[in-house]
Amino acid sequence: MLDREKVRKEVESWESFSYNYNLGDRPMRHNELGIRLVDGKWQLYRSFERGGYNVIDTFDKESDACEALLYYLRSEKGRQEYYRKFKEQQRLKREEELKNKKG
């Protein structure tokens, strides 16, 4: 069964991952994805840059909210990894083009 501490440990083990997330253990910040307990229900939310937030889903159990949060964070991790690879390919391509122009 997944809980907030297991989510924290997994996310902290990811190298080069940068994303604001909240496991309901601190106040809501701008631009973050998080879970929080409201009136006995767990909410998965995304907050905005200029305040406010959207509730993405509501769950009866903490473990279900943690599963959903981890799903979104894993998706973001994959997107970040893809983007890093893309940028590296672009850099190598530019280097090769410059090398060919000089040669």
PDB file of N, CA and C in Angstrom:
ATOM      1  N   MET A   1       0.843  -1.175   0.000  1.00  0.00           N
ATOM      2  CA  MET A   1       0.000   0.000   0.000  1.00  0.00           C
ATOM      3  C   MET A   1       0.894   1.246   0.000  1.00  0.00           C
ATOM      4  N   LEU A   2       0.616   2.123  -0.894  1.00  0.00           N
ATOM      5  CA  LEU A   2       1.418   3.331  -1.057  1.00  0.00           C
ATOM      6  C   LEU A   2       0.991   4.397  -0.057  1.00  0.00           C
ATOM      7  N   ASP A   3       1.977   5.063   0.548  1.00  0.00           N
ATOM      8  CA  ASP A   3       1.683   6.193   1.426  1.00  0.00           C
ATOM      9  C   ASP A   3       2.595   7.359   1.058  1.00  0.00           C
ATOM     10  N   ARG A   4       2.416   8.464   1.727  1.00  0.00           N
ATOM     11  CA  ARG A   4       3.150   9.679   1.370  1.00  0.00           C
ATOM     12  C   ARG A   4       4.660   9.512   1.526  1.00  0.00           C
ATOM     13  N   GLU A   5       5.087   8.797   2.545  1.00  0.00           N
ATOM     14  CA  GLU A   5       6.529   8.612   2.752  1.00  0.00           C
ATOM     15  C   GLU A   5       7.147   7.782   1.623  1.00  0.00           C
ATOM     16  N   LYS A   6       6.437   6.784   1.139  1.00  0.00           N
ATOM     17  CA  LYS A   6       6.947   5.991   0.009  1.00  0.00           C
ATOM     18  C   LYS A   6       7.035   6.836  -1.255  1.00  0.00           C
ATOM     19  N   VAL A   7       6.052   7.706  -1.467  1.00  0.00           N
ATOM     20  CA  VAL A   7       6.093   8.613  -2.620  1.00  0.00           C
ATOM     21  C   VAL A   7       7.309   9.523  -2.483  1.00  0.00           C
ATOM     22  N   ARG A   8       7.498  10.102  -1.309  1.00  0.00           N
ATOM     23  CA  ARG A   8       8.628  11.003  -1.076  1.00  0.00           C
ATOM     24  C   ARG A   8       9.954  10.298  -1.366  1.00  0.00           C
ATOM     25  N   LYS A   9      10.118   9.093  -0.846  1.00  0.00           N
ATOM     26  CA  LYS A   9      11.378   8.362  -1.045  1.00  0.00           C
ATOM     27  C   LYS A   9      11.621   8.074  -2.515  1.00  0.00           C
ATOM     28  N   GLU A  10      10.579   7.672  -3.236  1.00  0.00           N
ATOM     29  CA  GLU A  10      10.765   7.385  -4.654  1.00  0.00           C
ATOM     30  C   GLU A  10      11.153   8.642  -5.420  1.00  0.00           C
ATOM     31  N   VAL A  11      10.424   9.724  -5.206  1.00  0.00           N
ATOM     32  CA  VAL A  11      10.687  10.951  -5.960  1.00  0.00           C
ATOM     33  C   VAL A  11      12.074  11.498  -5.609  1.00  0.00           C
ATOM     34  N   GLU A  12      12.460  11.445  -4.348  1.00  0.00           N
ATOM     35  CA  GLU A  12      13.782  11.937  -3.963  1.00  0.00           C
ATOM     36  C   GLU A  12      14.908  11.100  -4.552  1.00  0.00           C
ATOM     37  N   SER A  13      14.624   9.867  -4.927  1.00  0.00           N
ATOM     38  CA  SER A  13      15.658   9.005  -5.522  1.00  0.00           C
ATOM     39  C   SER A  13      15.886   9.301  -7.002  1.00  0.00           C
ATOM     40  N   TRP A  14      14.990  10.055  -7.617  1.00  0.00           N
ATOM     41  CA  TRP A  14      15.128  10.371  -9.038  1.00  0.00           C
ATOM     42  C   TRP A  14      16.200  11.433  -9.229  1.00  0.00           C
ATOM     43  N   GLU A  15      17.139  11.155 -10.100  1.00  0.00           N
ATOM     44  CA  GLU A  15      18.185  12.124 -10.404  1.00  0.00           C
ATOM     45  C   GLU A  15      17.658  13.146 -11.400  1.00  0.00           C
ATOM     46  N   SER A  16      18.109  14.354 -11.268  1.00  0.00           N
ATOM     47  CA  SER A  16      17.800  15.436 -12.210  1.00  0.00           C
ATOM     48  C   SER A  16      16.309  15.689 -12.366  1.00  0.00           C
ATOM     49  N   PHE A  17      15.526  15.467 -11.323  1.00  0.00           N
ATOM     50  CA  PHE A  17      14.096  15.728 -11.395  1.00  0.00           C
ATOM     51  C   PHE A  17      13.812  17.029 -10.671  1.00  0.00           C
ATOM     52  N   SER A  18      13.157  17.940 -11.354  1.00  0.00           N
ATOM     53  CA  SER A  18      12.844  19.236 -10.771  1.00  0.00           C
ATOM     54  C   SER A  18      11.366  19.533 -10.993  1.00  0.00           C
ATOM     55  N   TYR A  19      10.595  19.476  -9.919  1.00  0.00           N
ATOM     56  CA  TYR A  19       9.175  19.752 -10.031  1.00  0.00           C
ATOM     57  C   TYR A  19       8.631  20.027  -8.637  1.00  0.00           C
ATOM     58  N   ASN A  20       7.783  21.025  -8.506  1.00  0.00           N
ATOM     59  CA  ASN A  20       7.171  21.324  -7.221  1.00  0.00           C
ATOM     60  C   ASN A  20       6.038  20.341  -6.959  1.00  0.00           C
ATOM     61  N   TYR A  21       6.154  19.637  -5.865  1.00  0.00           N
ATOM     62  CA  TYR A  21       5.065  18.753  -5.450  1.00  0.00           C
ATOM     63  C   TYR A  21       4.884  18.870  -3.948  1.00  0.00           C
ATOM     64  N   ASN A  22       3.716  18.479  -3.487  1.00  0.00           N
ATOM     65  CA  ASN A  22       3.367  18.645  -2.089  1.00  0.00           C
ATOM     66  C   ASN A  22       2.602  17.408  -1.637  1.00  0.00           C
ATOM     67  N   LEU A  23       3.048  16.842  -0.544  1.00  0.00           N
ATOM     68  CA  LEU A  23       2.403  15.646  -0.008  1.00  0.00           C
ATOM     69  C   LEU A  23       1.446  15.970   1.134  1.00  0.00           C
ATOM     70  N   GLY A  24       1.015  17.218   1.186  1.00  0.00           N
ATOM     71  CA  GLY A  24       0.047  17.612   2.205  1.00  0.00           C
ATOM     72  C   GLY A  24       0.671  17.893   3.553  1.00  0.00           C
ATOM     73  N   ASP A  25       2.006  18.005   3.589  1.00  0.00           N
ATOM     74  CA  ASP A  25       2.678  18.243   4.859  1.00  0.00           C
ATOM     75  C   ASP A  25       3.180  19.680   5.007  1.00  0.00           C
ATOM     76  N   ARG A  26       2.764  20.554   4.098  1.00  0.00           N
ATOM     77  CA  ARG A  26       3.120  21.976   4.171  1.00  0.00           C
ATOM     78  C   ARG A  26       2.045  22.773   3.430  1.00  0.00           C
ATOM     79  N   PRO A  27       2.048  24.079   3.608  1.00  0.00           N
ATOM     80  CA  PRO A  27       1.038  24.894   2.909  1.00  0.00           C
ATOM     81  C   PRO A  27       1.182  24.797   1.387  1.00  0.00           C
ATOM     82  N   MET A  28       0.088  24.989   0.697  1.00  0.00           N
ATOM     83  CA  MET A  28       0.078  24.972  -0.763  1.00  0.00           C
ATOM     84  C   MET A  28       0.916  26.135  -1.280  1.00  0.00           C
ATOM     85  N   ARG A  29       1.740  25.847  -2.290  1.00  0.00           N
ATOM     86  CA  ARG A  29       2.564  26.875  -2.927  1.00  0.00           C
ATOM     87  C   ARG A  29       2.077  27.082  -4.357  1.00  0.00           C
ATOM     88  N   HIS A  30       2.642  28.083  -5.005  1.00  0.00           N
ATOM     89  CA  HIS A  30       2.318  28.332  -6.406  1.00  0.00           C
ATOM     90  C   HIS A  30       2.958  27.265  -7.291  1.00  0.00           C
ATOM     91  N   ASN A  31       2.300  26.938  -8.387  1.00  0.00           N
ATOM     92  CA  ASN A  31       2.840  26.019  -9.402  1.00  0.00           C
ATOM     93  C   ASN A  31       3.279  24.682  -8.834  1.00  0.00           C
ATOM     94  N   GLU A  32       2.392  23.986  -8.201  1.00  0.00           N
ATOM     95  CA  GLU A  32       2.750  22.671  -7.700  1.00  0.00           C
ATOM     96  C   GLU A  32       1.609  21.688  -7.925  1.00  0.00           C
ATOM     97  N   LEU A  33       1.977  20.435  -7.888  1.00  0.00           N
ATOM     98  CA  LEU A  33       1.034  19.329  -7.938  1.00  0.00           C
ATOM     99  C   LEU A  33       1.068  18.707  -6.557  1.00  0.00           C
ATOM    100  N   GLY A  34      -0.075  18.443  -5.978  1.00  0.00           N
ATOM    101  CA  GLY A  34      -0.043  17.917  -4.626  1.00  0.00           C
ATOM    102  C   GLY A  34      -1.321  17.217  -4.220  1.00  0.00           C
ATOM    103  N   ILE A  35      -1.247  16.690  -3.015  1.00  0.00           N
ATOM    104  CA  ILE A  35      -2.424  16.088  -2.387  1.00  0.00           C
ATOM    105  C   ILE A  35      -2.625  16.777  -1.041  1.00  0.00           C
ATOM    106  N   ARG A  36      -3.877  16.811  -0.608  1.00  0.00           N
ATOM    107  CA  ARG A  36      -4.185  17.377   0.695  1.00  0.00           C
ATOM    108  C   ARG A  36      -5.479  16.772   1.197  1.00  0.00           C
ATOM    109  N   LEU A  37      -5.601  16.720   2.505  1.00  0.00           N
ATOM    110  CA  LEU A  37      -6.781  16.172   3.161  1.00  0.00           C
ATOM    111  C   LEU A  37      -7.738  17.310   3.470  1.00  0.00           C
ATOM    112  N   VAL A  38      -8.946  17.218   2.905  1.00  0.00           N
ATOM    113  CA  VAL A  38      -9.975  18.243   3.111  1.00  0.00           C
ATOM    114  C   VAL A  38     -11.281  17.539   3.470  1.00  0.00           C
ATOM    115  N   ASP A  39     -11.786  17.820   4.651  1.00  0.00           N
ATOM    116  CA  ASP A  39     -13.056  17.241   5.114  1.00  0.00           C
ATOM    117  C   ASP A  39     -13.087  15.718   4.982  1.00  0.00           C
ATOM    118  N   GLY A  40     -11.987  15.078   5.350  1.00  0.00           N
ATOM    119  CA  GLY A  40     -11.921  13.617   5.341  1.00  0.00           C
ATOM    120  C   GLY A  40     -11.692  12.990   3.980  1.00  0.00           C
ATOM    121  N   LYS A  41     -11.498  13.787   2.952  1.00  0.00           N
ATOM    122  CA  LYS A  41     -11.244  13.291   1.588  1.00  0.00           C
ATOM    123  C   LYS A  41      -9.880  13.799   1.127  1.00  0.00           C
ATOM    124  N   TRP A  42      -9.207  12.999   0.324  1.00  0.00           N
ATOM    125  CA  TRP A  42      -7.917  13.385  -0.234  1.00  0.00           C
ATOM    126  C   TRP A  42      -8.125  13.999  -1.609  1.00  0.00           C
ATOM    127  N   GLN A  43      -7.591  15.197  -1.777  1.00  0.00           N
ATOM    128  CA  GLN A  43      -7.687  15.886  -3.065  1.00  0.00           C
ATOM    129  C   GLN A  43      -6.327  15.876  -3.757  1.00  0.00           C
ATOM    130  N   LEU A  44      -6.349  15.571  -5.041  1.00  0.00           N
ATOM    131  CA  LEU A  44      -5.191  15.751  -5.899  1.00  0.00           C
ATOM    132  C   LEU A  44      -5.426  17.075  -6.611  1.00  0.00           C
ATOM    133  N   TYR A  45      -4.472  18.001  -6.522  1.00  0.00           N
ATOM    134  CA  TYR A  45      -4.682  19.335  -7.072  1.00  0.00           C
ATOM    135  C   TYR A  45      -3.451  19.828  -7.829  1.00  0.00           C
ATOM    136  N   ARG A  46      -3.664  20.847  -8.625  1.00  0.00           N
ATOM    137  CA  ARG A  46      -2.588  21.600  -9.268  1.00  0.00           C
ATOM    138  C   ARG A  46      -2.847  23.070  -8.965  1.00  0.00           C
ATOM    139  N   SER A  47      -1.843  23.721  -8.372  1.00  0.00           N
ATOM    140  CA  SER A  47      -1.994  25.136  -8.057  1.00  0.00           C
ATOM    141  C   SER A  47      -1.426  25.984  -9.191  1.00  0.00           C
ATOM    142  N   PHE A  48      -1.853  27.238  -9.218  1.00  0.00           N
ATOM    143  CA  PHE A  48      -1.486  28.152 -10.292  1.00  0.00           C
ATOM    144  C   PHE A  48      -0.412  29.129  -9.850  1.00  0.00           C
ATOM    145  N   GLU A  49       0.210  29.738 -10.835  1.00  0.00           N
ATOM    146  CA  GLU A  49       1.279  30.701 -10.581  1.00  0.00           C
ATOM    147  C   GLU A  49       0.778  31.896  -9.790  1.00  0.00           C
ATOM    148  N   ARG A  50      -0.395  32.375 -10.096  1.00  0.00           N
ATOM    149  CA  ARG A  50      -0.907  33.591  -9.459  1.00  0.00           C
ATOM    150  C   ARG A  50      -1.976  33.303  -8.405  1.00  0.00           C
ATOM    151  N   GLY A  51      -1.911  32.134  -7.815  1.00  0.00           N
ATOM    152  CA  GLY A  51      -2.868  31.773  -6.786  1.00  0.00           C
ATOM    153  C   GLY A  51      -4.009  30.950  -7.347  1.00  0.00           C
ATOM    154  N   GLY A  52      -4.721  30.306  -6.472  1.00  0.00           N
ATOM    155  CA  GLY A  52      -5.816  29.443  -6.872  1.00  0.00           C
ATOM    156  C   GLY A  52      -5.311  28.058  -7.248  1.00  0.00           C
ATOM    157  N   TYR A  53      -6.244  27.156  -7.437  1.00  0.00           N
ATOM    158  CA  TYR A  53      -5.883  25.784  -7.779  1.00  0.00           C
ATOM    159  C   TYR A  53      -7.079  25.064  -8.387  1.00  0.00           C
ATOM    160  N   ASN A  54      -6.796  23.976  -9.063  1.00  0.00           N
ATOM    161  CA  ASN A  54      -7.829  23.076  -9.582  1.00  0.00           C
ATOM    162  C   ASN A  54      -7.729  21.747  -8.871  1.00  0.00           C
ATOM    163  N   VAL A  55      -8.851  21.205  -8.465  1.00  0.00           N
ATOM    164  CA  VAL A  55      -8.873  19.846  -7.926  1.00  0.00           C
ATOM    165  C   VAL A  55      -8.990  18.899  -9.116  1.00  0.00           C
ATOM    166  N   ILE A  56      -8.012  18.050  -9.278  1.00  0.00           N
ATOM    167  CA  ILE A  56      -7.991  17.105 -10.389  1.00  0.00           C
ATOM    168  C   ILE A  56      -8.876  15.908 -10.079  1.00  0.00           C
ATOM    169  N   ASP A  57      -8.788  15.442  -8.832  1.00  0.00           N
ATOM    170  CA  ASP A  57      -9.590  14.282  -8.425  1.00  0.00           C
ATOM    171  C   ASP A  57      -9.678  14.257  -6.904  1.00  0.00           C
ATOM    172  N   THR A  58     -10.639  13.506  -6.392  1.00  0.00           N
ATOM    173  CA  THR A  58     -10.840  13.355  -4.952  1.00  0.00           C
ATOM    174  C   THR A  58     -10.901  11.867  -4.627  1.00  0.00           C
ATOM    175  N   PHE A  59     -10.286  11.493  -3.506  1.00  0.00           N
ATOM    176  CA  PHE A  59     -10.175  10.086  -3.123  1.00  0.00           C
ATOM    177  C   PHE A  59     -10.582   9.899  -1.670  1.00  0.00           C
ATOM    178  N   ASP A  60     -11.088   8.715  -1.378  1.00  0.00           N
ATOM    179  CA  ASP A  60     -11.431   8.378  -0.001  1.00  0.00           C
ATOM    180  C   ASP A  60     -10.208   7.958   0.793  1.00  0.00           C
ATOM    181  N   LYS A  61      -9.217   7.362   0.102  1.00  0.00           N
ATOM    182  CA  LYS A  61      -8.049   6.820   0.791  1.00  0.00           C
ATOM    183  C   LYS A  61      -6.771   7.549   0.386  1.00  0.00           C
ATOM    184  N   GLU A  62      -5.905   7.723   1.361  1.00  0.00           N
ATOM    185  CA  GLU A  62      -4.595   8.336   1.119  1.00  0.00           C
ATOM    186  C   GLU A  62      -3.819   7.558   0.060  1.00  0.00           C
ATOM    187  N   SER A  63      -3.871   6.241   0.131  1.00  0.00           N
ATOM    188  CA  SER A  63      -3.099   5.426  -0.812  1.00  0.00           C
ATOM    189  C   SER A  63      -3.530   5.671  -2.260  1.00  0.00           C
ATOM    190  N   ASP A  64      -4.817   5.866  -2.488  1.00  0.00           N
ATOM    191  CA  ASP A  64      -5.294   6.149  -3.850  1.00  0.00           C
ATOM    192  C   ASP A  64      -4.816   7.518  -4.326  1.00  0.00           C
ATOM    193  N   ALA A  65      -4.833   8.506  -3.435  1.00  0.00           N
ATOM    194  CA  ALA A  65      -4.334   9.832  -3.791  1.00  0.00           C
ATOM    195  C   ALA A  65      -2.837   9.781  -4.079  1.00  0.00           C
ATOM    196  N   CYS A  66      -2.100   9.007  -3.301  1.00  0.00           N
ATOM    197  CA  CYS A  66      -0.657   8.859  -3.521  1.00  0.00           C
ATOM    198  C   CYS A  66      -0.375   8.184  -4.861  1.00  0.00           C
ATOM    199  N   GLU A  67      -1.159   7.174  -5.196  1.00  0.00           N
ATOM    200  CA  GLU A  67      -1.002   6.496  -6.492  1.00  0.00           C
ATOM    201  C   GLU A  67      -1.204   7.475  -7.645  1.00  0.00           C
ATOM    202  N   ALA A  68      -2.242   8.289  -7.543  1.00  0.00           N
ATOM    203  CA  ALA A  68      -2.528   9.250  -8.607  1.00  0.00           C
ATOM    204  C   ALA A  68      -1.427  10.306  -8.696  1.00  0.00           C
ATOM    205  N   LEU A  69      -0.989  10.827  -7.570  1.00  0.00           N
ATOM    206  CA  LEU A  69       0.084  11.815  -7.559  1.00  0.00           C
ATOM    207  C   LEU A  69       1.347  11.235  -8.162  1.00  0.00           C
ATOM    208  N   LEU A  70       1.700  10.022  -7.771  1.00  0.00           N
ATOM    209  CA  LEU A  70       2.909   9.387  -8.290  1.00  0.00           C
ATOM    210  C   LEU A  70       2.797   9.142  -9.792  1.00  0.00           C
ATOM    211  N   TYR A  71       1.619   8.806 -10.271  1.00  0.00           N
ATOM    212  CA  TYR A  71       1.403   8.640 -11.709  1.00  0.00           C
ATOM    213  C   TYR A  71       1.736   9.941 -12.444  1.00  0.00           C
ATOM    214  N   TYR A  72       1.216  11.061 -11.964  1.00  0.00           N
ATOM    215  CA  TYR A  72       1.477  12.352 -12.599  1.00  0.00           C
ATOM    216  C   TYR A  72       2.954  12.728 -12.507  1.00  0.00           C
ATOM    217  N   LEU A  73       3.582  12.479 -11.351  1.00  0.00           N
ATOM    218  CA  LEU A  73       4.993  12.811 -11.194  1.00  0.00           C
ATOM    219  C   LEU A  73       5.871  11.935 -12.089  1.00  0.00           C
ATOM    220  N   ARG A  74       5.532  10.663 -12.215  1.00  0.00           N
ATOM    221  CA  ARG A  74       6.295   9.791 -13.129  1.00  0.00           C
ATOM    222  C   ARG A  74       6.148  10.268 -14.565  1.00  0.00           C
ATOM    223  N   SER A  75       4.970  10.714 -14.921  1.00  0.00           N
ATOM    224  CA  SER A  75       4.762  11.250 -16.273  1.00  0.00           C
ATOM    225  C   SER A  75       5.631  12.475 -16.500  1.00  0.00           C
ATOM    226  N   GLU A  76       5.681  13.362 -15.515  1.00  0.00           N
ATOM    227  CA  GLU A  76       6.513  14.558 -15.623  1.00  0.00           C
ATOM    228  C   GLU A  76       7.992  14.185 -15.694  1.00  0.00           C
ATOM    229  N   LYS A  77       8.387  13.191 -14.922  1.00  0.00           N
ATOM    230  CA  LYS A  77       9.774  12.713 -14.956  1.00  0.00           C
ATOM    231  C   LYS A  77      10.116  12.226 -16.359  1.00  0.00           C
ATOM    232  N   GLY A  78       9.235  11.455 -16.965  1.00  0.00           N
ATOM    233  CA  GLY A  78       9.457  10.967 -18.321  1.00  0.00           C
ATOM    234  C   GLY A  78       9.541  12.101 -19.323  1.00  0.00           C
ATOM    235  N   ARG A  79       8.698  13.102 -19.160  1.00  0.00           N
ATOM    236  CA  ARG A  79       8.735  14.258 -20.047  1.00  0.00           C
ATOM    237  C   ARG A  79      10.055  15.005 -19.915  1.00  0.00           C
ATOM    238  N   GLN A  80      10.515  15.181 -18.677  1.00  0.00           N
ATOM    239  CA  GLN A  80      11.784  15.868 -18.460  1.00  0.00           C
ATOM    240  C   GLN A  80      12.956  15.083 -19.056  1.00  0.00           C
ATOM    241  N   GLU A  81      12.940  13.770 -18.896  1.00  0.00           N
ATOM    242  CA  GLU A  81      14.009  12.941 -19.461  1.00  0.00           C
ATOM    243  C   GLU A  81      14.006  13.020 -20.987  1.00  0.00           C
ATOM    244  N   TYR A  82      12.849  12.964 -21.581  1.00  0.00           N
ATOM    245  CA  TYR A  82      12.732  13.069 -23.034  1.00  0.00           C
ATOM    246  C   TYR A  82      13.276  14.417 -23.511  1.00  0.00           C
ATOM    247  N   TYR A  83      12.912  15.486 -22.813  1.00  0.00           N
ATOM    248  CA  TYR A  83      13.349  16.819 -23.200  1.00  0.00           C
ATOM    249  C   TYR A  83      14.866  16.948 -23.069  1.00  0.00           C
ATOM    250  N   ARG A  84      15.457  16.389 -22.004  1.00  0.00           N
ATOM    251  CA  ARG A  84      16.916  16.430 -21.849  1.00  0.00           C
ATOM    252  C   ARG A  84      17.604  15.702 -23.002  1.00  0.00           C
ATOM    253  N   LYS A  85      17.077  14.545 -23.375  1.00  0.00           N
ATOM    254  CA  LYS A  85      17.653  13.794 -24.496  1.00  0.00           C
ATOM    255  C   LYS A  85      17.527  14.577 -25.793  1.00  0.00           C
ATOM    256  N   PHE A  86      16.374  15.185 -26.005  1.00  0.00           N
ATOM    257  CA  PHE A  86      16.158  15.988 -27.201  1.00  0.00           C
ATOM    258  C   PHE A  86      17.162  17.139 -27.262  1.00  0.00           C
ATOM    259  N   LYS A  87      17.326  17.857 -26.141  1.00  0.00           N
ATOM    260  CA  LYS A  87      18.271  18.975 -26.106  1.00  0.00           C
ATOM    261  C   LYS A  87      19.697  18.494 -26.355  1.00  0.00           C
ATOM    262  N   GLU A  88      20.061  17.354 -25.818  1.00  0.00           N
ATOM    263  CA  GLU A  88      21.402  16.809 -26.043  1.00  0.00           C
ATOM    264  C   GLU A  88      21.591  16.452 -27.514  1.00  0.00           C
ATOM    265  N   GLN A  89      20.598  15.868 -28.139  1.00  0.00           N
ATOM    266  CA  GLN A  89      20.680  15.546 -29.569  1.00  0.00           C
ATOM    267  C   GLN A  89      20.823  16.814 -30.394  1.00  0.00           C
ATOM    268  N   GLN A  90      20.095  17.852 -30.026  1.00  0.00           N
ATOM    269  CA  GLN A  90      20.200  19.120 -30.738  1.00  0.00           C
ATOM    270  C   GLN A  90      21.598  19.721 -30.589  1.00  0.00           C
ATOM    271  N   ARG A  91      22.154  19.633 -29.399  1.00  0.00           N
ATOM    272  CA  ARG A  91      23.495  20.156 -29.155  1.00  0.00           C
ATOM    273  C   ARG A  91      24.521  19.401 -29.984  1.00  0.00           C
ATOM    274  N   LEU A  92      24.434  18.079 -30.009  1.00  0.00           N
ATOM    275  CA  LEU A  92      25.364  17.266 -30.789  1.00  0.00           C
ATOM    276  C   LEU A  92      25.232  17.551 -32.282  1.00  0.00           C
ATOM    277  N   LYS A  93      24.016  17.743 -32.729  1.00  0.00           N
ATOM    278  CA  LYS A  93      23.773  18.057 -34.135  1.00  0.00           C
ATOM    279  C   LYS A  93      24.414  19.395 -34.510  1.00  0.00           C
ATOM    280  N   ARG A  94      24.244  20.401 -33.647  1.00  0.00           N
ATOM    281  CA  ARG A  94      24.856  21.719 -33.904  1.00  0.00           C
ATOM    282  C   ARG A  94      26.378  21.613 -33.927  1.00  0.00           C
ATOM    283  N   GLU A  95      26.934  20.849 -32.987  1.00  0.00           N
ATOM    284  CA  GLU A  95      28.382  20.662 -32.959  1.00  0.00           C
ATOM    285  C   GLU A  95      28.878  20.002 -34.244  1.00  0.00           C
ATOM    286  N   GLU A  96      28.160  19.001 -34.696  1.00  0.00           N
ATOM    287  CA  GLU A  96      28.532  18.304 -35.930  1.00  0.00           C
ATOM    288  C   GLU A  96      28.452  19.247 -37.130  1.00  0.00           C
ATOM    289  N   GLU A  97      27.416  20.053 -37.192  1.00  0.00           N
ATOM    290  CA  GLU A  97      27.272  21.014 -38.278  1.00  0.00           C
ATOM    291  C   GLU A  97      28.415  22.033 -38.282  1.00  0.00           C
ATOM    292  N   LEU A  98      28.781  22.522 -37.106  1.00  0.00           N
ATOM    293  CA  LEU A  98      29.893  23.462 -37.008  1.00  0.00           C
ATOM    294  C   LEU A  98      31.210  22.795 -37.398  1.00  0.00           C
ATOM    295  N   LYS A  99      31.373  21.579 -36.990  1.00  0.00           N
ATOM    296  CA  LYS A  99      32.577  20.823 -37.320  1.00  0.00           C
ATOM    297  C   LYS A  99      32.687  20.623 -38.837  1.00  0.00           C
ATOM    298  N   ASN A 100      31.569  20.316 -39.483  1.00  0.00           N
ATOM    299  CA  ASN A 100      31.554  20.114 -40.942  1.00  0.00           C
ATOM    300  C   ASN A 100      31.816  21.420 -41.688  1.00  0.00           C
ATOM    301  N   LYS A 101      31.357  22.547 -41.160  1.00  0.00           N
ATOM    302  CA  LYS A 101      31.593  23.834 -41.802  1.00  0.00           C
ATOM    303  C   LYS A 101      33.078  24.212 -41.752  1.00  0.00           C
ATOM    304  N   LYS A 102      33.715  23.879 -40.623  1.00  0.00           N
ATOM    305  CA  LYS A 102      35.134  24.195 -40.462  1.00  0.00           C
ATOM    306  C   LYS A 102      36.003  23.269 -41.289  1.00  0.00           C
ATOM    307  N   GLY A 103      35.559  22.026 -41.418  1.00  0.00           N
ATOM    308  CA  GLY A 103      36.373  20.994 -42.070  1.00  0.00           C
ATOM    309  C   GLY A 103      36.242  21.003 -43.511  1.00  0.00           C
TER     310      GLY A 103
END
